[in-house]
ModelCIF file with pLDDT and N, C-alpha, C, O atoms, coordinates in Angstrom:
data_MODEL
#
_entry.id   MODEL 
#
_entity.id                         1 
_entity.type                       polymer 
_entity.pdbx_number_of_molecules   1 
#
_entity_poly.entity_id                      1 
_entity_poly.type                           'polypeptide(L)' 
_entity_poly.nstd_linkage                   no 
_entity_poly.nstd_monomer                   no 
_entity_poly.pdbx_seq_one_letter_code       
;(UNK)(UNK)(UNK)(UNK)(UNK)(UNK)(UNK)(UNK)(UNK)(UNK)(UNK)(UNK)(UNK)(UNK)(UNK)(UNK)
(UNK)(UNK)(UNK)(UNK)(UNK)(UNK)(UNK)(UNK)(UNK)(UNK)(UNK)(UNK)(UNK)(UNK)(UNK)(UNK)
(UNK)(UNK)(UNK)(UNK)(UNK)(UNK)(UNK)(UNK)(UNK)(UNK)(UNK)(UNK)(UNK)(UNK)
;
_entity_poly.pdbx_seq_one_letter_code_can   XXXXXXXXXXXXXXXXXXXXXXXXXXXXXXXXXXXXXXXXXXXXXX 
_entity_poly.pdbx_strand_id                 A 
#
loop_
_entity_poly_seq.entity_id 
_entity_poly_seq.num 
_entity_poly_seq.mon_id 
_entity_poly_seq.hetero 
1 1  UNK n 
1 2  UNK n 
1 3  UNK n 
1 4  UNK n 
1 5  UNK n 
1 6  UNK n 
1 7  UNK n 
1 8  UNK n 
1 9  UNK n 
1 10 UNK n 
1 11 UNK n 
1 12 UNK n 
1 13 UNK n 
1 14 UNK n 
1 15 UNK n 
1 16 UNK n 
1 17 UNK n 
1 18 UNK n 
1 19 UNK n 
1 20 UNK n 
1 21 UNK n 
1 22 UNK n 
1 23 UNK n 
1 24 UNK n 
1 25 UNK n 
1 26 UNK n 
1 27 UNK n 
1 28 UNK n 
1 29 UNK n 
1 30 UNK n 
1 31 UNK n 
1 32 UNK n 
1 33 UNK n 
1 34 UNK n 
1 35 UNK n 
1 36 UNK n 
1 37 UNK n 
1 38 UNK n 
1 39 UNK n 
1 40 UNK n 
1 41 UNK n 
1 42 UNK n 
1 43 UNK n 
1 44 UNK n 
1 45 UNK n 
1 46 UNK n 
#
_struct_asym.id          A 
_struct_asym.entity_id   1 
#
loop_
_ma_qa_metric.id 
_ma_qa_metric.mode 
_ma_qa_metric.name 
_ma_qa_metric.software_group_id 
_ma_qa_metric.type 
1 global pLDDT . pLDDT 
2 local  pLDDT . pLDDT 
#
_ma_qa_metric_global.metric_id      1 
_ma_qa_metric_global.metric_value   91.89 
_ma_qa_metric_global.model_id       1 
_ma_qa_metric_global.ordinal_id     1 
#
loop_
_ma_qa_metric_local.label_asym_id 
_ma_qa_metric_local.label_comp_id 
_ma_qa_metric_local.label_seq_id 
_ma_qa_metric_local.metric_id 
_ma_qa_metric_local.metric_value 
_ma_qa_metric_local.model_id 
_ma_qa_metric_local.ordinal_id 
A UNK 1  2 86.00 1 1  
A UNK 2  2 81.00 1 2  
A UNK 3  2 78.00 1 3  
A UNK 4  2 77.00 1 4  
A UNK 5  2 79.00 1 5  
A UNK 6  2 82.00 1 6  
A UNK 7  2 87.00 1 7  
A UNK 8  2 89.00 1 8  
A UNK 9  2 92.00 1 9  
A UNK 10 2 93.00 1 10 
A UNK 11 2 92.00 1 11 
A UNK 12 2 94.00 1 12 
A UNK 13 2 95.00 1 13 
A UNK 14 2 95.00 1 14 
A UNK 15 2 94.00 1 15 
A UNK 16 2 97.00 1 16 
A UNK 17 2 97.00 1 17 
A UNK 18 2 97.00 1 18 
A UNK 19 2 97.00 1 19 
A UNK 20 2 97.00 1 20 
A UNK 21 2 96.00 1 21 
A UNK 22 2 96.00 1 22 
A UNK 23 2 96.00 1 23 
A UNK 24 2 96.00 1 24 
A UNK 25 2 95.00 1 25 
A UNK 26 2 94.00 1 26 
A UNK 27 2 96.00 1 27 
A UNK 28 2 95.00 1 28 
A UNK 29 2 93.00 1 29 
A UNK 30 2 95.00 1 30 
A UNK 31 2 95.00 1 31 
A UNK 32 2 93.00 1 32 
A UNK 33 2 93.00 1 33 
A UNK 34 2 95.00 1 34 
A UNK 35 2 95.00 1 35 
A UNK 36 2 93.00 1 36 
A UNK 37 2 94.00 1 37 
A UNK 38 2 94.00 1 38 
A UNK 39 2 94.00 1 39 
A UNK 40 2 91.00 1 40 
A UNK 41 2 92.00 1 41 
A UNK 42 2 90.00 1 42 
A UNK 43 2 88.00 1 43 
A UNK 44 2 89.00 1 44 
A UNK 45 2 91.00 1 45 
A UNK 46 2 89.00 1 46 
#
loop_
_atom_site.group_PDB 
_atom_site.id 
_atom_site.type_symbol 
_atom_site.label_atom_id 
_atom_site.label_alt_id 
_atom_site.label_comp_id 
_atom_site.label_asym_id 
_atom_site.label_entity_id 
_atom_site.label_seq_id 
_atom_site.pdbx_PDB_ins_code 
_atom_site.Cartn_x 
_atom_site.Cartn_y 
_atom_site.Cartn_z 
_atom_site.occupancy 
_atom_site.B_iso_or_equiv 
_atom_site.pdbx_formal_charge 
_atom_site.auth_seq_id 
_atom_site.auth_comp_id 
_atom_site.auth_asym_id 
_atom_site.auth_atom_id 
_atom_site.pdbx_PDB_model_num 
ATOM 1   N N  . UNK A 1 1  ? -21.781 2.586   3.675   1.00 86.00 ? 1  UNK A N  1 
ATOM 2   C CA . UNK A 1 1  ? -22.673 3.581   3.395   1.00 86.00 ? 1  UNK A CA 1 
ATOM 3   C C  . UNK A 1 1  ? -24.130 3.249   2.959   1.00 86.00 ? 1  UNK A C  1 
ATOM 4   O O  . UNK A 1 1  ? -24.975 4.100   2.681   1.00 86.00 ? 1  UNK A O  1 
ATOM 5   N N  . UNK A 1 2  ? -24.323 1.826   2.936   1.00 81.00 ? 2  UNK A N  1 
ATOM 6   C CA . UNK A 1 2  ? -25.656 1.214   2.547   1.00 81.00 ? 2  UNK A CA 1 
ATOM 7   C C  . UNK A 1 2  ? -26.267 1.715   1.242   1.00 81.00 ? 2  UNK A C  1 
ATOM 8   O O  . UNK A 1 2  ? -25.596 1.531   0.227   1.00 81.00 ? 2  UNK A O  1 
ATOM 9   N N  . UNK A 1 3  ? -27.263 2.229   1.146   1.00 78.00 ? 3  UNK A N  1 
ATOM 10  C CA . UNK A 1 3  ? -28.076 2.657   -0.061  1.00 78.00 ? 3  UNK A CA 1 
ATOM 11  C C  . UNK A 1 3  ? -27.703 3.954   -0.429  1.00 78.00 ? 3  UNK A C  1 
ATOM 12  O O  . UNK A 1 3  ? -27.851 4.304   -1.600  1.00 78.00 ? 3  UNK A O  1 
ATOM 13  N N  . UNK A 1 4  ? -27.173 4.820   0.524   1.00 77.00 ? 4  UNK A N  1 
ATOM 14  C CA . UNK A 1 4  ? -26.862 6.216   0.292   1.00 77.00 ? 4  UNK A CA 1 
ATOM 15  C C  . UNK A 1 4  ? -25.668 6.430   -0.596  1.00 77.00 ? 4  UNK A C  1 
ATOM 16  O O  . UNK A 1 4  ? -24.828 5.548   -0.776  1.00 77.00 ? 4  UNK A O  1 
ATOM 17  N N  . UNK A 1 5  ? -25.608 7.693   -1.181  1.00 79.00 ? 5  UNK A N  1 
ATOM 18  C CA . UNK A 1 5  ? -24.544 8.008   -2.037  1.00 79.00 ? 5  UNK A CA 1 
ATOM 19  C C  . UNK A 1 5  ? -23.117 8.340   -1.537  1.00 79.00 ? 5  UNK A C  1 
ATOM 20  O O  . UNK A 1 5  ? -22.128 8.180   -2.252  1.00 79.00 ? 5  UNK A O  1 
ATOM 21  N N  . UNK A 1 6  ? -23.063 8.805   -0.280  1.00 82.00 ? 6  UNK A N  1 
ATOM 22  C CA . UNK A 1 6  ? -22.120 9.279   0.450   1.00 82.00 ? 6  UNK A CA 1 
ATOM 23  C C  . UNK A 1 6  ? -21.710 8.603   1.657   1.00 82.00 ? 6  UNK A C  1 
ATOM 24  O O  . UNK A 1 6  ? -22.558 7.987   2.302   1.00 82.00 ? 6  UNK A O  1 
ATOM 25  N N  . UNK A 1 7  ? -20.411 8.650   2.066   1.00 87.00 ? 7  UNK A N  1 
ATOM 26  C CA . UNK A 1 7  ? -19.983 7.948   3.270   1.00 87.00 ? 7  UNK A CA 1 
ATOM 27  C C  . UNK A 1 7  ? -20.242 9.015   4.581   1.00 87.00 ? 7  UNK A C  1 
ATOM 28  O O  . UNK A 1 7  ? -20.264 10.242  4.484   1.00 87.00 ? 7  UNK A O  1 
ATOM 29  N N  . UNK A 1 8  ? -20.412 8.303   5.708   1.00 89.00 ? 8  UNK A N  1 
ATOM 30  C CA . UNK A 1 8  ? -20.169 9.220   6.885   1.00 89.00 ? 8  UNK A CA 1 
ATOM 31  C C  . UNK A 1 8  ? -18.815 9.508   7.159   1.00 89.00 ? 8  UNK A C  1 
ATOM 32  O O  . UNK A 1 8  ? -17.932 9.172   6.369   1.00 89.00 ? 8  UNK A O  1 
ATOM 33  N N  . UNK A 1 9  ? -18.562 10.144  8.284   1.00 92.00 ? 9  UNK A N  1 
ATOM 34  C CA . UNK A 1 9  ? -17.233 10.542  8.464   1.00 92.00 ? 9  UNK A CA 1 
ATOM 35  C C  . UNK A 1 9  ? -16.236 9.299   8.873   1.00 92.00 ? 9  UNK A C  1 
ATOM 36  O O  . UNK A 1 9  ? -15.049 9.194   8.565   1.00 92.00 ? 9  UNK A O  1 
ATOM 37  N N  . UNK A 1 10 ? -16.922 8.511   9.540   1.00 93.00 ? 10 UNK A N  1 
ATOM 38  C CA . UNK A 1 10 ? -16.109 7.232   10.006  1.00 93.00 ? 10 UNK A CA 1 
ATOM 39  C C  . UNK A 1 10 ? -15.940 6.464   8.734   1.00 93.00 ? 10 UNK A C  1 
ATOM 40  O O  . UNK A 1 10 ? -14.836 5.939   8.587   1.00 93.00 ? 10 UNK A O  1 
ATOM 41  N N  . UNK A 1 11 ? -16.807 6.304   7.809   1.00 92.00 ? 11 UNK A N  1 
ATOM 42  C CA . UNK A 1 11 ? -16.541 5.502   6.681   1.00 92.00 ? 11 UNK A CA 1 
ATOM 43  C C  . UNK A 1 11 ? -15.516 6.264   5.922   1.00 92.00 ? 11 UNK A C  1 
ATOM 44  O O  . UNK A 1 11 ? -14.627 5.611   5.376   1.00 92.00 ? 11 UNK A O  1 
ATOM 45  N N  . UNK A 1 12 ? -15.522 7.679   5.805   1.00 94.00 ? 12 UNK A N  1 
ATOM 46  C CA . UNK A 1 12 ? -14.333 8.083   5.099   1.00 94.00 ? 12 UNK A CA 1 
ATOM 47  C C  . UNK A 1 12 ? -13.078 8.017   5.615   1.00 94.00 ? 12 UNK A C  1 
ATOM 48  O O  . UNK A 1 12 ? -12.065 7.954   4.918   1.00 94.00 ? 12 UNK A O  1 
ATOM 49  N N  . UNK A 1 13 ? -13.097 8.030   6.898   1.00 95.00 ? 13 UNK A N  1 
ATOM 50  C CA . UNK A 1 13 ? -11.798 7.919   7.715   1.00 95.00 ? 13 UNK A CA 1 
ATOM 51  C C  . UNK A 1 13 ? -11.336 6.388   7.392   1.00 95.00 ? 13 UNK A C  1 
ATOM 52  O O  . UNK A 1 13 ? -10.214 6.182   6.928   1.00 95.00 ? 13 UNK A O  1 
ATOM 53  N N  . UNK A 1 14 ? -12.107 5.485   7.615   1.00 95.00 ? 14 UNK A N  1 
ATOM 54  C CA . UNK A 1 14 ? -11.729 4.052   7.412   1.00 95.00 ? 14 UNK A CA 1 
ATOM 55  C C  . UNK A 1 14 ? -11.252 3.892   5.959   1.00 95.00 ? 14 UNK A C  1 
ATOM 56  O O  . UNK A 1 14 ? -10.246 3.221   5.728   1.00 95.00 ? 14 UNK A O  1 
ATOM 57  N N  . UNK A 1 15 ? -11.962 4.503   4.945   1.00 94.00 ? 15 UNK A N  1 
ATOM 58  C CA . UNK A 1 15 ? -11.433 4.324   3.601   1.00 94.00 ? 15 UNK A CA 1 
ATOM 59  C C  . UNK A 1 15 ? -10.189 5.016   3.342   1.00 94.00 ? 15 UNK A C  1 
ATOM 60  O O  . UNK A 1 15 ? -9.498  4.633   2.399   1.00 94.00 ? 15 UNK A O  1 
ATOM 61  N N  . UNK A 1 16 ? -9.823  5.972   4.051   1.00 97.00 ? 16 UNK A N  1 
ATOM 62  C CA . UNK A 1 16 ? -8.603  6.924   3.880   1.00 97.00 ? 16 UNK A CA 1 
ATOM 63  C C  . UNK A 1 16 ? -7.407  6.144   4.720   1.00 97.00 ? 16 UNK A C  1 
ATOM 64  O O  . UNK A 1 16 ? -6.268  6.018   4.270   1.00 97.00 ? 16 UNK A O  1 
ATOM 65  N N  . UNK A 1 17 ? -7.774  5.715   5.817   1.00 97.00 ? 17 UNK A N  1 
ATOM 66  C CA . UNK A 1 17 ? -6.670  4.858   6.418   1.00 97.00 ? 17 UNK A CA 1 
ATOM 67  C C  . UNK A 1 17 ? -6.415  3.512   5.779   1.00 97.00 ? 17 UNK A C  1 
ATOM 68  O O  . UNK A 1 17 ? -5.264  3.079   5.724   1.00 97.00 ? 17 UNK A O  1 
ATOM 69  N N  . UNK A 1 18 ? -7.414  2.847   5.306   1.00 97.00 ? 18 UNK A N  1 
ATOM 70  C CA . UNK A 1 18 ? -7.134  1.443   4.620   1.00 97.00 ? 18 UNK A CA 1 
ATOM 71  C C  . UNK A 1 18 ? -6.311  1.772   3.213   1.00 97.00 ? 18 UNK A C  1 
ATOM 72  O O  . UNK A 1 18 ? -5.383  1.043   2.864   1.00 97.00 ? 18 UNK A O  1 
ATOM 73  N N  . UNK A 1 19 ? -6.676  2.793   2.524   1.00 97.00 ? 19 UNK A N  1 
ATOM 74  C CA . UNK A 1 19 ? -6.135  3.024   1.526   1.00 97.00 ? 19 UNK A CA 1 
ATOM 75  C C  . UNK A 1 19 ? -4.747  3.501   1.400   1.00 97.00 ? 19 UNK A C  1 
ATOM 76  O O  . UNK A 1 19 ? -4.004  3.304   0.439   1.00 97.00 ? 19 UNK A O  1 
ATOM 77  N N  . UNK A 1 20 ? -4.441  4.247   2.638   1.00 97.00 ? 20 UNK A N  1 
ATOM 78  C CA . UNK A 1 20 ? -3.092  4.702   2.863   1.00 97.00 ? 20 UNK A CA 1 
ATOM 79  C C  . UNK A 1 20 ? -2.159  3.386   3.345   1.00 97.00 ? 20 UNK A C  1 
ATOM 80  O O  . UNK A 1 20 ? -0.987  3.202   3.017   1.00 97.00 ? 20 UNK A O  1 
ATOM 81  N N  . UNK A 1 21 ? -2.845  2.657   4.067   1.00 96.00 ? 21 UNK A N  1 
ATOM 82  C CA . UNK A 1 21 ? -2.144  1.326   4.460   1.00 96.00 ? 21 UNK A CA 1 
ATOM 83  C C  . UNK A 1 21 ? -1.886  0.428   3.408   1.00 96.00 ? 21 UNK A C  1 
ATOM 84  O O  . UNK A 1 21 ? -0.921  -0.329  3.512   1.00 96.00 ? 21 UNK A O  1 
ATOM 85  N N  . UNK A 1 22 ? -2.690  0.396   2.288   1.00 96.00 ? 22 UNK A N  1 
ATOM 86  C CA . UNK A 1 22 ? -2.323  -0.436  1.125   1.00 96.00 ? 22 UNK A CA 1 
ATOM 87  C C  . UNK A 1 22 ? -1.284  0.164   0.221   1.00 96.00 ? 22 UNK A C  1 
ATOM 88  O O  . UNK A 1 22 ? -0.438  -0.463  -0.416  1.00 96.00 ? 22 UNK A O  1 
ATOM 89  N N  . UNK A 1 23 ? -1.464  1.477   0.253   1.00 96.00 ? 23 UNK A N  1 
ATOM 90  C CA . UNK A 1 23 ? -0.356  2.246   -0.765  1.00 96.00 ? 23 UNK A CA 1 
ATOM 91  C C  . UNK A 1 23 ? 1.042   2.175   0.002   1.00 96.00 ? 23 UNK A C  1 
ATOM 92  O O  . UNK A 1 23 ? 2.065   2.077   -0.676  1.00 96.00 ? 23 UNK A O  1 
ATOM 93  N N  . UNK A 1 24 ? 1.109   2.216   1.251   1.00 96.00 ? 24 UNK A N  1 
ATOM 94  C CA . UNK A 1 24 ? 2.265   2.364   2.172   1.00 96.00 ? 24 UNK A CA 1 
ATOM 95  C C  . UNK A 1 24 ? 3.037   0.793   1.921   1.00 96.00 ? 24 UNK A C  1 
ATOM 96  O O  . UNK A 1 24 ? 4.220   0.623   1.628   1.00 96.00 ? 24 UNK A O  1 
ATOM 97  N N  . UNK A 1 25 ? 2.109   -0.146  2.107   1.00 95.00 ? 25 UNK A N  1 
ATOM 98  C CA . UNK A 1 25 ? 2.682   -1.496  2.016   1.00 95.00 ? 25 UNK A CA 1 
ATOM 99  C C  . UNK A 1 25 ? 3.248   -1.865  0.628   1.00 95.00 ? 25 UNK A C  1 
ATOM 100 O O  . UNK A 1 25 ? 4.294   -2.495  0.471   1.00 95.00 ? 25 UNK A O  1 
ATOM 101 N N  . UNK A 1 26 ? 2.469   -1.418  -0.343  1.00 94.00 ? 26 UNK A N  1 
ATOM 102 C CA . UNK A 1 26 ? 2.900   -1.816  -1.802  1.00 94.00 ? 26 UNK A CA 1 
ATOM 103 C C  . UNK A 1 26 ? 4.138   -0.935  -2.078  1.00 94.00 ? 26 UNK A C  1 
ATOM 104 O O  . UNK A 1 26 ? 4.982   -1.417  -2.832  1.00 94.00 ? 26 UNK A O  1 
ATOM 105 N N  . UNK A 1 27 ? 4.355   0.291   -1.565  1.00 96.00 ? 27 UNK A N  1 
ATOM 106 C CA . UNK A 1 27 ? 5.560   1.051   -1.740  1.00 96.00 ? 27 UNK A CA 1 
ATOM 107 C C  . UNK A 1 27 ? 6.870   0.338   -1.087  1.00 96.00 ? 27 UNK A C  1 
ATOM 108 O O  . UNK A 1 27 ? 7.981   0.152   -1.586  1.00 96.00 ? 27 UNK A O  1 
ATOM 109 N N  . UNK A 1 28 ? 6.377   0.013   0.158   1.00 95.00 ? 28 UNK A N  1 
ATOM 110 C CA . UNK A 1 28 ? 7.567   -0.488  0.965   1.00 95.00 ? 28 UNK A CA 1 
ATOM 111 C C  . UNK A 1 28 ? 8.159   -1.734  0.310   1.00 95.00 ? 28 UNK A C  1 
ATOM 112 O O  . UNK A 1 28 ? 9.381   -1.875  0.262   1.00 95.00 ? 28 UNK A O  1 
ATOM 113 N N  . UNK A 1 29 ? 7.358   -2.601  -0.173  1.00 93.00 ? 29 UNK A N  1 
ATOM 114 C CA . UNK A 1 29 ? 7.786   -3.854  -0.849  1.00 93.00 ? 29 UNK A CA 1 
ATOM 115 C C  . UNK A 1 29 ? 8.202   -3.669  -2.376  1.00 93.00 ? 29 UNK A C  1 
ATOM 116 O O  . UNK A 1 29 ? 8.795   -4.597  -2.925  1.00 93.00 ? 29 UNK A O  1 
ATOM 117 N N  . UNK A 1 30 ? 7.938   -2.605  -3.018  1.00 95.00 ? 30 UNK A N  1 
ATOM 118 C CA . UNK A 1 30 ? 8.546   -2.211  -4.255  1.00 95.00 ? 30 UNK A CA 1 
ATOM 119 C C  . UNK A 1 30 ? 9.865   -1.702  -3.970  1.00 95.00 ? 30 UNK A C  1 
ATOM 120 O O  . UNK A 1 30 ? 10.773  -2.139  -4.675  1.00 95.00 ? 30 UNK A O  1 
ATOM 121 N N  . UNK A 1 31 ? 10.169  -0.799  -3.005  1.00 95.00 ? 31 UNK A N  1 
ATOM 122 C CA . UNK A 1 31 ? 11.246  -0.478  -2.620  1.00 95.00 ? 31 UNK A CA 1 
ATOM 123 C C  . UNK A 1 31 ? 12.365  -1.649  -2.100  1.00 95.00 ? 31 UNK A C  1 
ATOM 124 O O  . UNK A 1 31 ? 13.534  -1.590  -2.482  1.00 95.00 ? 31 UNK A O  1 
ATOM 125 N N  . UNK A 1 32 ? 11.981  -2.501  -1.375  1.00 93.00 ? 32 UNK A N  1 
ATOM 126 C CA . UNK A 1 32 ? 12.650  -3.673  -0.780  1.00 93.00 ? 32 UNK A CA 1 
ATOM 127 C C  . UNK A 1 32 ? 13.190  -4.375  -2.150  1.00 93.00 ? 32 UNK A C  1 
ATOM 128 O O  . UNK A 1 32 ? 14.375  -4.552  -2.435  1.00 93.00 ? 32 UNK A O  1 
ATOM 129 N N  . UNK A 1 33 ? 12.076  -4.729  -2.918  1.00 93.00 ? 33 UNK A N  1 
ATOM 130 C CA . UNK A 1 33 ? 12.432  -5.552  -4.202  1.00 93.00 ? 33 UNK A CA 1 
ATOM 131 C C  . UNK A 1 33 ? 13.393  -4.713  -5.144  1.00 93.00 ? 33 UNK A C  1 
ATOM 132 O O  . UNK A 1 33 ? 14.237  -5.297  -5.824  1.00 93.00 ? 33 UNK A O  1 
ATOM 133 N N  . UNK A 1 34 ? 13.258  -3.376  -5.174  1.00 95.00 ? 34 UNK A N  1 
ATOM 134 C CA . UNK A 1 34 ? 14.366  -2.616  -6.011  1.00 95.00 ? 34 UNK A CA 1 
ATOM 135 C C  . UNK A 1 34 ? 15.753  -2.667  -5.452  1.00 95.00 ? 34 UNK A C  1 
ATOM 136 O O  . UNK A 1 34 ? 16.769  -2.752  -6.141  1.00 95.00 ? 34 UNK A O  1 
ATOM 137 N N  . UNK A 1 35 ? 15.710  -2.608  -4.126  1.00 95.00 ? 35 UNK A N  1 
ATOM 138 C CA . UNK A 1 35 ? 16.903  -2.658  -3.298  1.00 95.00 ? 35 UNK A CA 1 
ATOM 139 C C  . UNK A 1 35 ? 17.621  -3.927  -3.552  1.00 95.00 ? 35 UNK A C  1 
ATOM 140 O O  . UNK A 1 35 ? 18.831  -3.896  -3.776  1.00 95.00 ? 35 UNK A O  1 
ATOM 141 N N  . UNK A 1 36 ? 16.959  -5.046  -3.534  1.00 93.00 ? 36 UNK A N  1 
ATOM 142 C CA . UNK A 1 36 ? 17.608  -6.311  -3.841  1.00 93.00 ? 36 UNK A CA 1 
ATOM 143 C C  . UNK A 1 36 ? 17.923  -6.469  -5.241  1.00 93.00 ? 36 UNK A C  1 
ATOM 144 O O  . UNK A 1 36 ? 18.895  -7.179  -5.502  1.00 93.00 ? 36 UNK A O  1 
ATOM 145 N N  . UNK A 1 37 ? 17.316  -5.968  -6.140  1.00 94.00 ? 37 UNK A N  1 
ATOM 146 C CA . UNK A 1 37 ? 17.626  -6.071  -7.431  1.00 94.00 ? 37 UNK A CA 1 
ATOM 147 C C  . UNK A 1 37 ? 18.922  -5.368  -7.803  1.00 94.00 ? 37 UNK A C  1 
ATOM 148 O O  . UNK A 1 37 ? 19.778  -5.913  -8.501  1.00 94.00 ? 37 UNK A O  1 
ATOM 149 N N  . UNK A 1 38 ? 19.057  -3.914  -7.220  1.00 94.00 ? 38 UNK A N  1 
ATOM 150 C CA . UNK A 1 38 ? 20.203  -3.113  -7.593  1.00 94.00 ? 38 UNK A CA 1 
ATOM 151 C C  . UNK A 1 38 ? 21.543  -3.287  -6.668  1.00 94.00 ? 38 UNK A C  1 
ATOM 152 O O  . UNK A 1 38 ? 22.667  -2.921  -7.011  1.00 94.00 ? 38 UNK A O  1 
ATOM 153 N N  . UNK A 1 39 ? 21.214  -3.901  -5.459  1.00 94.00 ? 39 UNK A N  1 
ATOM 154 C CA . UNK A 1 39 ? 22.284  -4.037  -4.535  1.00 94.00 ? 39 UNK A CA 1 
ATOM 155 C C  . UNK A 1 39 ? 22.813  -5.507  -4.824  1.00 94.00 ? 39 UNK A C  1 
ATOM 156 O O  . UNK A 1 39 ? 24.026  -5.608  -5.012  1.00 94.00 ? 39 UNK A O  1 
ATOM 157 N N  . UNK A 1 40 ? 22.141  -6.504  -4.872  1.00 91.00 ? 40 UNK A N  1 
ATOM 158 C CA . UNK A 1 40 ? 22.516  -7.909  -5.081  1.00 91.00 ? 40 UNK A CA 1 
ATOM 159 C C  . UNK A 1 40 ? 22.430  -8.470  -6.447  1.00 91.00 ? 40 UNK A C  1 
ATOM 160 O O  . UNK A 1 40 ? 22.865  -9.600  -6.667  1.00 91.00 ? 40 UNK A O  1 
ATOM 161 N N  . UNK A 1 41 ? 21.866  -7.709  -7.428  1.00 92.00 ? 41 UNK A N  1 
ATOM 162 C CA . UNK A 1 41 ? 21.956  -8.101  -8.796  1.00 92.00 ? 41 UNK A CA 1 
ATOM 163 C C  . UNK A 1 41 ? 20.627  -8.970  -9.118  1.00 92.00 ? 41 UNK A C  1 
ATOM 164 O O  . UNK A 1 41 ? 20.395  -9.415  -10.242 1.00 92.00 ? 41 UNK A O  1 
ATOM 165 N N  . UNK A 1 42 ? 19.773  -9.160  -7.983  1.00 90.00 ? 42 UNK A N  1 
ATOM 166 C CA . UNK A 1 42 ? 18.547  -10.011 -8.412  1.00 90.00 ? 42 UNK A CA 1 
ATOM 167 C C  . UNK A 1 42 ? 18.391  -10.981 -7.209  1.00 90.00 ? 42 UNK A C  1 
ATOM 168 O O  . UNK A 1 42 ? 19.192  -11.063 -6.278  1.00 90.00 ? 42 UNK A O  1 
ATOM 169 N N  . UNK A 1 43 ? 17.242  -11.712 -7.355  1.00 88.00 ? 43 UNK A N  1 
ATOM 170 C CA . UNK A 1 43 ? 17.077  -12.736 -6.175  1.00 88.00 ? 43 UNK A CA 1 
ATOM 171 C C  . UNK A 1 43 ? 18.135  -13.895 -6.072  1.00 88.00 ? 43 UNK A C  1 
ATOM 172 O O  . UNK A 1 43 ? 18.341  -14.402 -4.970  1.00 88.00 ? 43 UNK A O  1 
ATOM 173 N N  . UNK A 1 44 ? 18.818  -14.336 -7.198  1.00 89.00 ? 44 UNK A N  1 
ATOM 174 C CA . UNK A 1 44 ? 19.904  -15.207 -7.098  1.00 89.00 ? 44 UNK A CA 1 
ATOM 175 C C  . UNK A 1 44 ? 21.032  -14.647 -6.540  1.00 89.00 ? 44 UNK A C  1 
ATOM 176 O O  . UNK A 1 44 ? 21.764  -15.416 -5.916  1.00 89.00 ? 44 UNK A O  1 
ATOM 177 N N  . UNK A 1 45 ? 21.387  -13.328 -6.630  1.00 91.00 ? 45 UNK A N  1 
ATOM 178 C CA . UNK A 1 45 ? 22.564  -12.603 -5.854  1.00 91.00 ? 45 UNK A CA 1 
ATOM 179 C C  . UNK A 1 45 ? 22.126  -12.671 -4.201  1.00 91.00 ? 45 UNK A C  1 
ATOM 180 O O  . UNK A 1 45 ? 22.919  -12.996 -3.318  1.00 91.00 ? 45 UNK A O  1 
ATOM 181 N N  . UNK A 1 46 ? 21.013  -12.378 -4.020  1.00 89.00 ? 46 UNK A N  1 
ATOM 182 C CA . UNK A 1 46 ? 20.526  -12.337 -2.626  1.00 89.00 ? 46 UNK A CA 1 
ATOM 183 C C  . UNK A 1 46 ? 20.584  -13.771 -2.061  1.00 89.00 ? 46 UNK A C  1 
ATOM 184 O O  . UNK A 1 46 ? 20.226  -13.994 -0.904  1.00 89.00 ? 46 UNK A O  1 
#
């Protein structure tokens, strides 16, 4: 965005896609960690 206050349409799309990718990645790994904890009883059980 440089010195301006708002983002252009490509900047908004990039911010949205990157944020969605980050959130999806974190959610996937939280789900995997919870699965390992509940199914195997933790990392040692795995």
